[in-house]
Amino acid sequence: MRRDLSHEATGVEVPGGLFGAIAQLASCREFKRAAVGVPETDGGDGSEWLVAADGIADGDTRETYLRFDASEAIVAGNAELHLRVAGRGSDAGTTSFVIELMQPPATPWQEDGLTWSQRPSTVLRTGARFTCAAQIGEDLVIDVSDLIQAAADADILPRTTLRIRSTQSGSQRYVAFDSDEAVGGTPPRLRWLALIGNG
């Protein structure tokens, strides 16, 4: 008998008594590129992380990187990234954002272990572009099936690193999500359908 079981990083029990905490969020980091002439600084240590190109209030570009241990996703079907919207500009619904699978460092990175100049920079696969239709307090759901398959093909599932960035600048073309440090918030979740049984 074959059963479809939903697995995600929240640690809830799924049907059949199996534990669903498979894709554990290991690190969630926002990187900030400071303006020319300003010393390098990094965000990512607060309750929210921001995705924006040049043009927001402080004129800085911000990208967000997520690292998951998706070792068990080798049996995955459809994979989704769930992000809880904590803030958004009025033009977020028409702004083109992109999610990418990055080549991770040989040693798994931590939130406080990288800077903008040291962040993962090699793109292994680019996912579909998306806009933020979700409102504050709602989940933005992104199909990352092709990225997780590419991570499996590259043998990097335990260090799956995803980058989210904006492709358009503008003062209202930004979106913010709950980080893993949001008190009472909802951290990023990677979930997929796993098929088990005897066929």
N, C-alpha and C. Protein backbone atom coordinates (compact mmCIF):
# COMPACT_ATOMS: atom_id res chain seq x y z
N MET A 1 0.85 -1.19 0.00
CA MET A 1 0.00 0.00 0.00
C MET A 1 0.89 1.24 0.00
N ARG A 2 0.53 2.24 -0.78
CA ARG A 2 1.31 3.47 -0.89
C ARG A 2 0.53 4.62 -0.24
N ARG A 3 1.24 5.39 0.56
CA ARG A 3 0.61 6.53 1.23
C ARG A 3 1.40 7.79 0.94
N ASP A 4 0.71 8.91 0.75
CA ASP A 4 1.36 10.20 0.58
C ASP A 4 1.43 10.87 1.94
N LEU A 5 2.65 11.21 2.35
CA LEU A 5 2.85 11.83 3.65
C LEU A 5 3.50 13.19 3.46
N SER A 6 2.99 14.19 4.15
CA SER A 6 3.53 15.53 4.04
C SER A 6 4.60 15.72 5.12
N HIS A 7 5.80 16.04 4.70
CA HIS A 7 6.90 16.26 5.63
C HIS A 7 7.30 17.72 5.61
N GLU A 8 7.55 18.30 6.76
CA GLU A 8 8.00 19.67 6.80
C GLU A 8 8.88 19.90 8.02
N ALA A 9 9.41 21.12 8.13
CA ALA A 9 10.40 21.40 9.15
C ALA A 9 9.81 21.81 10.49
N THR A 10 8.50 21.67 10.68
CA THR A 10 7.90 22.15 11.91
C THR A 10 7.92 21.11 13.03
N GLY A 11 8.25 19.87 12.72
CA GLY A 11 8.37 18.86 13.75
C GLY A 11 7.05 18.30 14.21
N VAL A 12 6.04 18.30 13.36
CA VAL A 12 4.75 17.73 13.75
C VAL A 12 4.69 16.27 13.34
N GLU A 13 3.82 15.52 13.99
CA GLU A 13 3.65 14.12 13.63
C GLU A 13 2.70 14.03 12.44
N VAL A 14 3.05 13.21 11.48
CA VAL A 14 2.23 13.08 10.27
C VAL A 14 1.52 11.75 10.30
N PRO A 15 0.52 11.54 9.42
CA PRO A 15 -0.25 10.29 9.44
C PRO A 15 0.64 9.06 9.39
N GLY A 16 0.23 8.03 10.11
CA GLY A 16 1.01 6.80 10.14
C GLY A 16 2.03 6.77 11.26
N GLY A 17 2.05 7.82 12.10
CA GLY A 17 2.97 7.84 13.22
C GLY A 17 4.39 8.22 12.86
N LEU A 18 4.64 8.68 11.63
CA LEU A 18 5.98 9.06 11.23
C LEU A 18 6.24 10.50 11.62
N PHE A 19 7.48 10.79 11.94
CA PHE A 19 7.83 12.13 12.37
C PHE A 19 8.18 12.97 11.17
N GLY A 20 7.60 14.17 11.06
CA GLY A 20 7.75 14.97 9.86
C GLY A 20 8.90 15.95 9.85
N ALA A 21 9.72 15.99 10.91
CA ALA A 21 10.82 16.96 10.96
C ALA A 21 12.01 16.45 10.18
N ILE A 22 11.92 16.53 8.87
CA ILE A 22 12.99 16.01 8.03
C ILE A 22 13.87 17.14 7.50
N ALA A 23 13.26 18.17 6.93
CA ALA A 23 14.03 19.28 6.37
C ALA A 23 14.24 20.33 7.47
N GLN A 24 15.21 20.12 8.34
CA GLN A 24 15.44 21.04 9.43
C GLN A 24 16.09 22.32 8.93
N LEU A 25 15.51 23.49 9.32
CA LEU A 25 16.12 24.77 8.98
C LEU A 25 17.38 24.92 9.81
N ALA A 26 18.53 24.91 9.15
CA ALA A 26 19.80 24.98 9.87
C ALA A 26 20.28 26.41 10.04
N SER A 27 20.10 27.23 9.03
CA SER A 27 20.51 28.63 9.11
C SER A 27 19.61 29.49 8.23
N CYS A 28 19.40 30.71 8.68
CA CYS A 28 18.56 31.67 7.95
C CYS A 28 19.27 33.01 8.05
N ARG A 29 19.76 33.52 6.94
CA ARG A 29 20.64 34.67 7.02
C ARG A 29 20.34 35.71 5.95
N GLU A 30 20.22 36.94 6.36
CA GLU A 30 20.09 38.05 5.41
C GLU A 30 21.45 38.70 5.26
N PHE A 31 21.85 38.92 4.01
CA PHE A 31 23.10 39.60 3.74
C PHE A 31 22.82 40.97 3.14
N LYS A 32 23.54 41.95 3.61
CA LYS A 32 23.32 43.33 3.21
C LYS A 32 24.58 43.87 2.54
N ARG A 33 24.41 44.36 1.31
CA ARG A 33 25.52 45.01 0.63
C ARG A 33 25.45 46.49 0.93
N ALA A 34 26.43 46.99 1.65
CA ALA A 34 26.43 48.39 2.03
C ALA A 34 26.75 49.28 0.84
N ALA A 35 26.35 50.53 0.93
CA ALA A 35 26.63 51.50 -0.13
C ALA A 35 28.13 51.71 -0.27
N VAL A 36 28.54 52.21 -1.41
CA VAL A 36 29.95 52.45 -1.68
C VAL A 36 30.54 53.36 -0.62
N GLY A 37 31.70 52.97 -0.10
CA GLY A 37 32.37 53.77 0.90
C GLY A 37 31.94 53.50 2.33
N VAL A 38 30.97 52.61 2.51
CA VAL A 38 30.49 52.28 3.85
C VAL A 38 31.03 50.90 4.24
N PRO A 39 31.56 50.73 5.46
CA PRO A 39 32.09 49.42 5.87
C PRO A 39 31.04 48.33 5.72
N GLU A 40 31.50 47.13 5.40
CA GLU A 40 30.59 46.00 5.21
C GLU A 40 29.87 45.66 6.51
N THR A 41 28.55 45.52 6.42
CA THR A 41 27.74 45.12 7.57
C THR A 41 26.77 44.04 7.11
N ASP A 42 26.22 43.33 8.05
CA ASP A 42 25.30 42.27 7.74
C ASP A 42 24.07 42.37 8.61
N GLY A 43 22.92 42.01 8.03
CA GLY A 43 21.71 41.89 8.80
C GLY A 43 21.51 40.44 9.16
N GLY A 44 20.27 40.06 9.41
CA GLY A 44 19.96 38.65 9.61
C GLY A 44 19.90 38.19 11.04
N ASP A 45 20.12 39.11 12.01
CA ASP A 45 20.10 38.67 13.40
C ASP A 45 18.83 39.12 14.10
N GLY A 46 17.82 39.50 13.34
CA GLY A 46 16.58 39.95 13.94
C GLY A 46 15.43 39.01 13.66
N SER A 47 14.23 39.47 13.93
CA SER A 47 13.05 38.61 13.79
C SER A 47 12.55 38.54 12.35
N GLU A 48 13.04 39.43 11.50
CA GLU A 48 12.65 39.43 10.10
C GLU A 48 13.88 39.49 9.21
N TRP A 49 13.72 39.01 7.98
CA TRP A 49 14.78 39.24 7.00
C TRP A 49 14.16 39.78 5.73
N LEU A 50 14.92 40.63 5.09
CA LEU A 50 14.42 41.47 4.01
C LEU A 50 15.03 41.06 2.68
N VAL A 51 14.24 41.13 1.63
CA VAL A 51 14.72 40.91 0.28
C VAL A 51 14.43 42.18 -0.51
N ALA A 52 15.47 42.81 -1.03
CA ALA A 52 15.29 44.07 -1.76
C ALA A 52 16.51 44.35 -2.61
N ALA A 53 16.31 45.02 -3.73
CA ALA A 53 17.40 45.52 -4.54
C ALA A 53 17.67 46.97 -4.15
N ASP A 54 18.69 47.60 -4.74
CA ASP A 54 18.96 49.01 -4.46
C ASP A 54 17.69 49.81 -4.65
N GLY A 55 17.44 50.74 -3.76
CA GLY A 55 16.28 51.60 -3.94
C GLY A 55 15.39 51.68 -2.72
N ILE A 56 15.60 50.79 -1.72
CA ILE A 56 14.84 50.92 -0.48
C ILE A 56 15.39 52.08 0.33
N ALA A 57 14.81 52.31 1.48
CA ALA A 57 15.11 53.51 2.25
C ALA A 57 16.61 53.74 2.48
N ASP A 58 17.36 52.67 2.83
CA ASP A 58 18.79 52.87 3.12
C ASP A 58 19.67 52.64 1.89
N GLY A 59 19.06 52.38 0.74
CA GLY A 59 19.83 52.27 -0.50
C GLY A 59 20.65 51.02 -0.64
N ASP A 60 20.43 50.02 0.19
CA ASP A 60 21.24 48.81 0.16
C ASP A 60 20.50 47.65 -0.49
N THR A 61 21.27 46.75 -1.09
CA THR A 61 20.71 45.50 -1.60
C THR A 61 20.78 44.46 -0.50
N ARG A 62 19.70 43.71 -0.34
CA ARG A 62 19.66 42.66 0.68
C ARG A 62 19.20 41.36 0.03
N GLU A 63 19.94 40.30 0.28
CA GLU A 63 19.60 38.96 -0.19
C GLU A 63 19.46 38.05 1.03
N THR A 64 18.65 37.02 0.90
CA THR A 64 18.49 36.09 2.00
C THR A 64 18.89 34.69 1.57
N TYR A 65 19.59 34.00 2.47
CA TYR A 65 20.06 32.65 2.23
C TYR A 65 19.47 31.72 3.29
N LEU A 66 18.99 30.58 2.86
CA LEU A 66 18.42 29.57 3.75
C LEU A 66 19.18 28.27 3.56
N ARG A 67 19.53 27.63 4.66
CA ARG A 67 20.18 26.32 4.56
C ARG A 67 19.31 25.28 5.26
N PHE A 68 19.01 24.21 4.54
CA PHE A 68 18.22 23.11 5.07
C PHE A 68 19.01 21.81 4.98
N ASP A 69 18.77 20.93 5.93
CA ASP A 69 19.22 19.55 5.78
C ASP A 69 18.05 18.79 5.17
N ALA A 70 18.13 18.61 3.86
CA ALA A 70 17.04 17.95 3.13
C ALA A 70 17.45 16.55 2.70
N SER A 71 18.20 15.87 3.57
CA SER A 71 18.74 14.56 3.22
C SER A 71 17.68 13.59 2.75
N GLU A 72 16.51 13.61 3.39
CA GLU A 72 15.48 12.65 3.06
C GLU A 72 14.67 13.02 1.82
N ALA A 73 14.96 14.16 1.22
CA ALA A 73 14.19 14.60 0.06
C ALA A 73 14.53 13.81 -1.19
N ILE A 74 15.43 12.86 -1.09
CA ILE A 74 15.74 12.00 -2.23
C ILE A 74 14.49 11.24 -2.67
N VAL A 75 13.52 11.09 -1.77
CA VAL A 75 12.27 10.41 -2.11
C VAL A 75 11.15 11.41 -2.37
N ALA A 76 11.52 12.65 -2.63
CA ALA A 76 10.53 13.72 -2.70
C ALA A 76 9.73 13.70 -3.98
N GLY A 77 8.51 14.18 -3.84
CA GLY A 77 7.69 14.51 -4.99
C GLY A 77 7.72 16.02 -5.12
N ASN A 78 6.57 16.65 -5.04
CA ASN A 78 6.53 18.11 -5.13
C ASN A 78 7.10 18.73 -3.86
N ALA A 79 8.02 19.68 -4.02
CA ALA A 79 8.65 20.36 -2.88
C ALA A 79 8.23 21.82 -2.87
N GLU A 80 7.92 22.34 -1.69
CA GLU A 80 7.47 23.72 -1.54
C GLU A 80 8.23 24.40 -0.42
N LEU A 81 8.55 25.67 -0.62
CA LEU A 81 9.11 26.51 0.42
C LEU A 81 8.02 27.44 0.91
N HIS A 82 7.75 27.40 2.22
CA HIS A 82 6.71 28.23 2.83
C HIS A 82 7.38 29.35 3.62
N LEU A 83 7.03 30.59 3.29
CA LEU A 83 7.61 31.76 3.94
C LEU A 83 6.49 32.64 4.49
N ARG A 84 6.56 33.00 5.77
CA ARG A 84 5.53 33.83 6.39
C ARG A 84 5.87 35.32 6.16
N VAL A 85 4.99 36.03 5.48
CA VAL A 85 5.23 37.43 5.15
C VAL A 85 5.09 38.30 6.41
N ALA A 86 6.15 39.05 6.71
CA ALA A 86 6.15 39.93 7.88
C ALA A 86 6.03 41.40 7.48
N GLY A 87 6.32 41.70 6.25
CA GLY A 87 6.24 43.07 5.75
C GLY A 87 6.40 43.08 4.24
N ARG A 88 5.88 44.10 3.60
CA ARG A 88 5.99 44.17 2.14
C ARG A 88 5.76 45.59 1.67
N GLY A 89 6.43 45.94 0.57
CA GLY A 89 6.20 47.24 -0.03
C GLY A 89 4.93 47.21 -0.87
N SER A 90 4.42 48.37 -1.19
CA SER A 90 3.18 48.44 -1.96
C SER A 90 3.33 47.89 -3.37
N ASP A 91 4.57 47.78 -3.86
CA ASP A 91 4.82 47.25 -5.21
C ASP A 91 5.33 45.81 -5.19
N ALA A 92 5.27 45.15 -4.05
CA ALA A 92 5.79 43.77 -3.98
C ALA A 92 5.02 42.83 -4.88
N GLY A 93 3.73 43.11 -5.11
CA GLY A 93 2.91 42.25 -5.94
C GLY A 93 3.27 42.29 -7.41
N THR A 94 4.04 43.31 -7.82
CA THR A 94 4.47 43.40 -9.22
C THR A 94 5.99 43.35 -9.35
N THR A 95 6.67 43.02 -8.26
CA THR A 95 8.13 42.93 -8.27
C THR A 95 8.55 41.50 -8.55
N SER A 96 9.54 41.34 -9.40
CA SER A 96 10.04 40.02 -9.76
C SER A 96 11.15 39.60 -8.80
N PHE A 97 10.87 38.54 -8.02
CA PHE A 97 11.85 37.95 -7.13
C PHE A 97 12.29 36.61 -7.74
N VAL A 98 13.45 36.14 -7.36
CA VAL A 98 13.94 34.87 -7.89
C VAL A 98 14.54 34.05 -6.75
N ILE A 99 14.40 32.74 -6.85
CA ILE A 99 14.99 31.83 -5.88
C ILE A 99 15.97 30.93 -6.61
N GLU A 100 17.14 30.70 -6.00
CA GLU A 100 18.22 29.97 -6.67
C GLU A 100 18.83 28.94 -5.73
N LEU A 101 19.27 27.83 -6.29
CA LEU A 101 20.03 26.84 -5.55
C LEU A 101 21.50 27.21 -5.67
N MET A 102 22.18 27.36 -4.54
CA MET A 102 23.57 27.79 -4.52
C MET A 102 24.51 26.64 -4.19
N GLN A 103 25.73 26.72 -4.69
CA GLN A 103 26.77 25.77 -4.29
C GLN A 103 27.18 26.12 -2.86
N PRO A 104 26.97 25.21 -1.90
CA PRO A 104 27.31 25.54 -0.52
C PRO A 104 28.81 25.41 -0.28
N PRO A 105 29.33 26.09 0.74
CA PRO A 105 30.74 25.91 1.10
C PRO A 105 30.98 24.47 1.54
N ALA A 106 32.23 24.05 1.51
CA ALA A 106 32.57 22.69 1.92
C ALA A 106 32.18 22.44 3.38
N THR A 107 32.33 23.47 4.20
CA THR A 107 31.92 23.39 5.60
C THR A 107 30.58 24.08 5.76
N PRO A 108 29.57 23.43 6.33
CA PRO A 108 28.26 24.06 6.47
C PRO A 108 28.34 25.43 7.14
N TRP A 109 27.72 26.43 6.53
CA TRP A 109 27.80 27.78 7.06
C TRP A 109 26.76 28.00 8.15
N GLN A 110 27.06 28.94 9.02
CA GLN A 110 26.16 29.33 10.10
C GLN A 110 25.77 30.79 9.93
N GLU A 111 24.76 31.23 10.65
CA GLU A 111 24.25 32.59 10.50
C GLU A 111 25.32 33.64 10.75
N ASP A 112 26.18 33.41 11.73
CA ASP A 112 27.18 34.42 12.07
C ASP A 112 28.54 34.10 11.46
N GLY A 113 28.59 33.18 10.50
CA GLY A 113 29.87 32.75 9.96
C GLY A 113 30.21 33.27 8.58
N LEU A 114 29.32 34.06 7.98
CA LEU A 114 29.55 34.57 6.63
C LEU A 114 29.30 36.07 6.57
N THR A 115 29.93 36.72 5.61
CA THR A 115 29.67 38.12 5.32
C THR A 115 29.25 38.23 3.86
N TRP A 116 28.90 39.44 3.42
CA TRP A 116 28.49 39.62 2.03
C TRP A 116 29.57 39.13 1.07
N SER A 117 30.82 39.46 1.35
CA SER A 117 31.90 39.10 0.43
C SER A 117 32.23 37.61 0.48
N GLN A 118 31.78 36.90 1.52
CA GLN A 118 32.07 35.47 1.65
C GLN A 118 30.86 34.58 1.41
N ARG A 119 29.75 35.18 1.06
CA ARG A 119 28.52 34.41 0.94
C ARG A 119 28.60 33.46 -0.27
N PRO A 120 27.79 32.39 -0.31
CA PRO A 120 27.76 31.51 -1.48
C PRO A 120 27.43 32.32 -2.74
N SER A 121 28.18 32.10 -3.80
CA SER A 121 28.01 32.94 -4.99
C SER A 121 27.83 32.15 -6.29
N THR A 122 28.02 30.82 -6.24
CA THR A 122 27.88 30.01 -7.45
C THR A 122 26.47 29.46 -7.53
N VAL A 123 25.76 29.84 -8.59
CA VAL A 123 24.38 29.39 -8.79
C VAL A 123 24.38 28.05 -9.52
N LEU A 124 23.78 27.02 -8.91
CA LEU A 124 23.68 25.71 -9.54
C LEU A 124 22.43 25.59 -10.40
N ARG A 125 21.35 26.22 -9.96
CA ARG A 125 20.11 26.19 -10.73
C ARG A 125 19.23 27.35 -10.30
N THR A 126 18.58 27.97 -11.26
CA THR A 126 17.68 29.09 -10.99
C THR A 126 16.24 28.61 -11.08
N GLY A 127 15.46 28.89 -10.06
CA GLY A 127 14.06 28.52 -10.06
C GLY A 127 13.22 29.57 -10.78
N ALA A 128 11.93 29.35 -10.79
CA ALA A 128 11.01 30.27 -11.45
C ALA A 128 10.96 31.60 -10.70
N ARG A 129 10.80 32.67 -11.43
CA ARG A 129 10.61 33.97 -10.80
C ARG A 129 9.19 34.05 -10.24
N PHE A 130 9.02 34.86 -9.21
CA PHE A 130 7.72 34.95 -8.55
C PHE A 130 7.50 36.36 -8.04
N THR A 131 6.26 36.70 -7.78
CA THR A 131 5.91 37.95 -7.12
C THR A 131 5.29 37.60 -5.77
N CYS A 132 5.15 38.59 -4.91
CA CYS A 132 4.59 38.36 -3.58
C CYS A 132 3.12 38.75 -3.56
N ALA A 133 2.26 37.76 -3.81
CA ALA A 133 0.82 38.00 -3.76
C ALA A 133 0.30 37.92 -2.32
N ALA A 134 1.03 37.23 -1.45
CA ALA A 134 0.59 37.05 -0.06
C ALA A 134 0.67 38.37 0.70
N GLN A 135 -0.26 38.54 1.64
CA GLN A 135 -0.29 39.72 2.49
C GLN A 135 0.43 39.43 3.81
N ILE A 136 0.64 40.47 4.60
CA ILE A 136 1.31 40.32 5.89
C ILE A 136 0.53 39.32 6.75
N GLY A 137 1.25 38.36 7.33
CA GLY A 137 0.63 37.32 8.14
C GLY A 137 0.26 36.08 7.37
N GLU A 138 0.37 36.13 6.04
CA GLU A 138 0.05 34.98 5.21
C GLU A 138 1.34 34.30 4.74
N ASP A 139 1.20 33.07 4.28
CA ASP A 139 2.34 32.33 3.76
C ASP A 139 2.49 32.57 2.26
N LEU A 140 3.72 32.83 1.84
CA LEU A 140 4.07 32.81 0.43
C LEU A 140 4.62 31.42 0.15
N VAL A 141 4.02 30.71 -0.78
CA VAL A 141 4.42 29.34 -1.09
C VAL A 141 5.09 29.32 -2.46
N ILE A 142 6.32 28.80 -2.49
CA ILE A 142 7.11 28.77 -3.73
C ILE A 142 7.42 27.32 -4.08
N ASP A 143 7.14 26.95 -5.30
CA ASP A 143 7.46 25.60 -5.79
C ASP A 143 8.97 25.51 -6.03
N VAL A 144 9.64 24.64 -5.28
CA VAL A 144 11.09 24.47 -5.42
C VAL A 144 11.44 23.03 -5.80
N SER A 145 10.50 22.33 -6.43
CA SER A 145 10.72 20.92 -6.78
C SER A 145 11.98 20.75 -7.63
N ASP A 146 12.15 21.62 -8.63
CA ASP A 146 13.31 21.47 -9.51
C ASP A 146 14.61 21.77 -8.78
N LEU A 147 14.57 22.68 -7.81
CA LEU A 147 15.79 23.01 -7.06
C LEU A 147 16.19 21.86 -6.13
N ILE A 148 15.22 21.23 -5.49
CA ILE A 148 15.53 20.11 -4.60
C ILE A 148 16.03 18.92 -5.42
N GLN A 149 15.46 18.71 -6.60
CA GLN A 149 15.96 17.65 -7.47
C GLN A 149 17.39 17.95 -7.91
N ALA A 150 17.68 19.22 -8.21
CA ALA A 150 19.04 19.59 -8.59
C ALA A 150 20.01 19.40 -7.43
N ALA A 151 19.54 19.67 -6.20
CA ALA A 151 20.39 19.44 -5.01
C ALA A 151 20.69 17.96 -4.85
N ALA A 152 19.68 17.11 -5.14
CA ALA A 152 19.90 15.66 -5.08
C ALA A 152 20.91 15.23 -6.14
N ASP A 153 20.77 15.77 -7.35
CA ASP A 153 21.68 15.43 -8.44
C ASP A 153 23.11 15.84 -8.13
N ALA A 154 23.27 16.97 -7.41
CA ALA A 154 24.59 17.48 -7.06
C ALA A 154 25.12 16.89 -5.76
N ASP A 155 24.32 16.01 -5.12
CA ASP A 155 24.71 15.36 -3.87
C ASP A 155 24.99 16.37 -2.75
N ILE A 156 24.12 17.37 -2.63
CA ILE A 156 24.29 18.38 -1.59
C ILE A 156 23.03 18.53 -0.74
N LEU A 157 22.15 17.54 -0.74
CA LEU A 157 20.91 17.65 0.02
C LEU A 157 21.12 18.01 1.49
N PRO A 158 22.15 17.45 2.19
CA PRO A 158 22.33 17.82 3.60
C PRO A 158 22.71 19.28 3.80
N ARG A 159 23.17 19.94 2.72
CA ARG A 159 23.60 21.34 2.82
C ARG A 159 22.85 22.21 1.81
N THR A 160 21.59 21.87 1.54
CA THR A 160 20.81 22.61 0.56
C THR A 160 20.76 24.09 0.92
N THR A 161 21.28 24.94 0.03
CA THR A 161 21.32 26.38 0.27
C THR A 161 20.53 27.10 -0.81
N LEU A 162 19.52 27.86 -0.40
CA LEU A 162 18.67 28.60 -1.32
C LEU A 162 18.89 30.10 -1.12
N ARG A 163 18.96 30.81 -2.23
CA ARG A 163 19.08 32.28 -2.16
C ARG A 163 17.81 32.90 -2.74
N ILE A 164 17.30 33.92 -2.05
CA ILE A 164 16.15 34.68 -2.54
C ILE A 164 16.61 36.12 -2.74
N ARG A 165 16.37 36.67 -3.93
CA ARG A 165 16.77 38.04 -4.21
C ARG A 165 15.74 38.71 -5.11
N SER A 166 15.80 40.02 -5.15
CA SER A 166 14.92 40.81 -6.01
C SER A 166 15.65 41.16 -7.29
N THR A 167 14.93 41.21 -8.39
CA THR A 167 15.53 41.58 -9.67
C THR A 167 15.17 43.01 -10.08
N GLN A 168 14.39 43.70 -9.23
CA GLN A 168 13.96 45.06 -9.55
C GLN A 168 14.17 45.97 -8.35
N SER A 169 14.64 47.18 -8.61
CA SER A 169 14.85 48.14 -7.54
C SER A 169 13.67 49.10 -7.45
N GLY A 170 13.52 49.71 -6.30
CA GLY A 170 12.43 50.64 -6.06
C GLY A 170 12.12 50.69 -4.58
N SER A 171 11.72 51.84 -4.10
CA SER A 171 11.53 52.01 -2.65
C SER A 171 10.43 51.14 -2.09
N GLN A 172 9.47 50.70 -2.91
CA GLN A 172 8.38 49.86 -2.44
C GLN A 172 8.46 48.44 -3.00
N ARG A 173 9.58 48.08 -3.60
CA ARG A 173 9.75 46.74 -4.18
C ARG A 173 10.56 45.86 -3.23
N TYR A 174 9.97 45.55 -2.09
CA TYR A 174 10.66 44.71 -1.11
C TYR A 174 9.66 43.81 -0.42
N VAL A 175 10.18 42.76 0.21
CA VAL A 175 9.34 41.89 1.02
C VAL A 175 10.18 41.41 2.20
N ALA A 176 9.55 41.24 3.34
CA ALA A 176 10.21 40.76 4.55
C ALA A 176 9.49 39.51 5.05
N PHE A 177 10.25 38.57 5.58
CA PHE A 177 9.70 37.31 6.06
C PHE A 177 10.12 37.06 7.50
N ASP A 178 9.31 36.26 8.21
CA ASP A 178 9.70 35.83 9.56
C ASP A 178 11.00 35.04 9.47
N SER A 179 11.92 35.33 10.37
CA SER A 179 13.14 34.54 10.45
C SER A 179 12.95 33.42 11.47
N ASP A 180 13.98 32.63 11.69
CA ASP A 180 13.90 31.58 12.69
C ASP A 180 13.99 32.14 14.10
N GLU A 181 14.20 33.45 14.23
CA GLU A 181 14.30 34.09 15.54
C GLU A 181 13.05 34.91 15.86
N ALA A 182 12.03 34.83 15.03
CA ALA A 182 10.81 35.59 15.25
C ALA A 182 10.03 34.98 16.42
N VAL A 183 9.86 35.75 17.49
CA VAL A 183 9.12 35.28 18.66
C VAL A 183 7.65 35.16 18.29
N GLY A 184 7.10 33.96 18.40
CA GLY A 184 5.71 33.74 18.05
C GLY A 184 5.46 33.75 16.55
N GLY A 185 6.55 33.80 15.77
CA GLY A 185 6.41 33.83 14.32
C GLY A 185 6.49 32.43 13.71
N THR A 186 6.57 32.39 12.41
CA THR A 186 6.64 31.13 11.67
C THR A 186 7.88 31.12 10.81
N PRO A 187 8.89 30.35 11.18
CA PRO A 187 10.14 30.33 10.40
C PRO A 187 9.94 29.66 9.05
N PRO A 188 10.87 29.85 8.13
CA PRO A 188 10.78 29.20 6.83
C PRO A 188 10.65 27.69 6.96
N ARG A 189 9.83 27.09 6.10
CA ARG A 189 9.61 25.64 6.13
C ARG A 189 9.78 25.07 4.73
N LEU A 190 10.51 23.99 4.64
CA LEU A 190 10.66 23.25 3.39
C LEU A 190 9.89 21.96 3.54
N ARG A 191 8.94 21.71 2.65
CA ARG A 191 8.12 20.51 2.78
C ARG A 191 7.96 19.85 1.42
N TRP A 192 7.70 18.54 1.46
CA TRP A 192 7.50 17.79 0.23
C TRP A 192 6.63 16.58 0.51
N LEU A 193 6.21 15.92 -0.54
CA LEU A 193 5.45 14.68 -0.41
C LEU A 193 6.40 13.51 -0.59
N ALA A 194 6.42 12.62 0.39
CA ALA A 194 7.23 11.40 0.29
C ALA A 194 6.32 10.22 0.09
N LEU A 195 6.69 9.34 -0.79
CA LEU A 195 5.90 8.13 -1.07
C LEU A 195 6.52 6.95 -0.35
N ILE A 196 5.72 6.28 0.50
CA ILE A 196 6.23 5.10 1.20
C ILE A 196 5.28 3.96 0.98
N GLY A 197 5.70 2.78 1.32
CA GLY A 197 4.84 1.61 1.19
C GLY A 197 5.47 0.57 0.28
N ASN A 198 4.70 -0.39 -0.10
CA ASN A 198 5.21 -1.51 -0.88
C ASN A 198 4.91 -1.37 -2.36
N GLY A 199 4.40 -0.20 -2.77
CA GLY A 199 4.14 0.00 -4.18
C GLY A 199 2.68 -0.14 -4.51
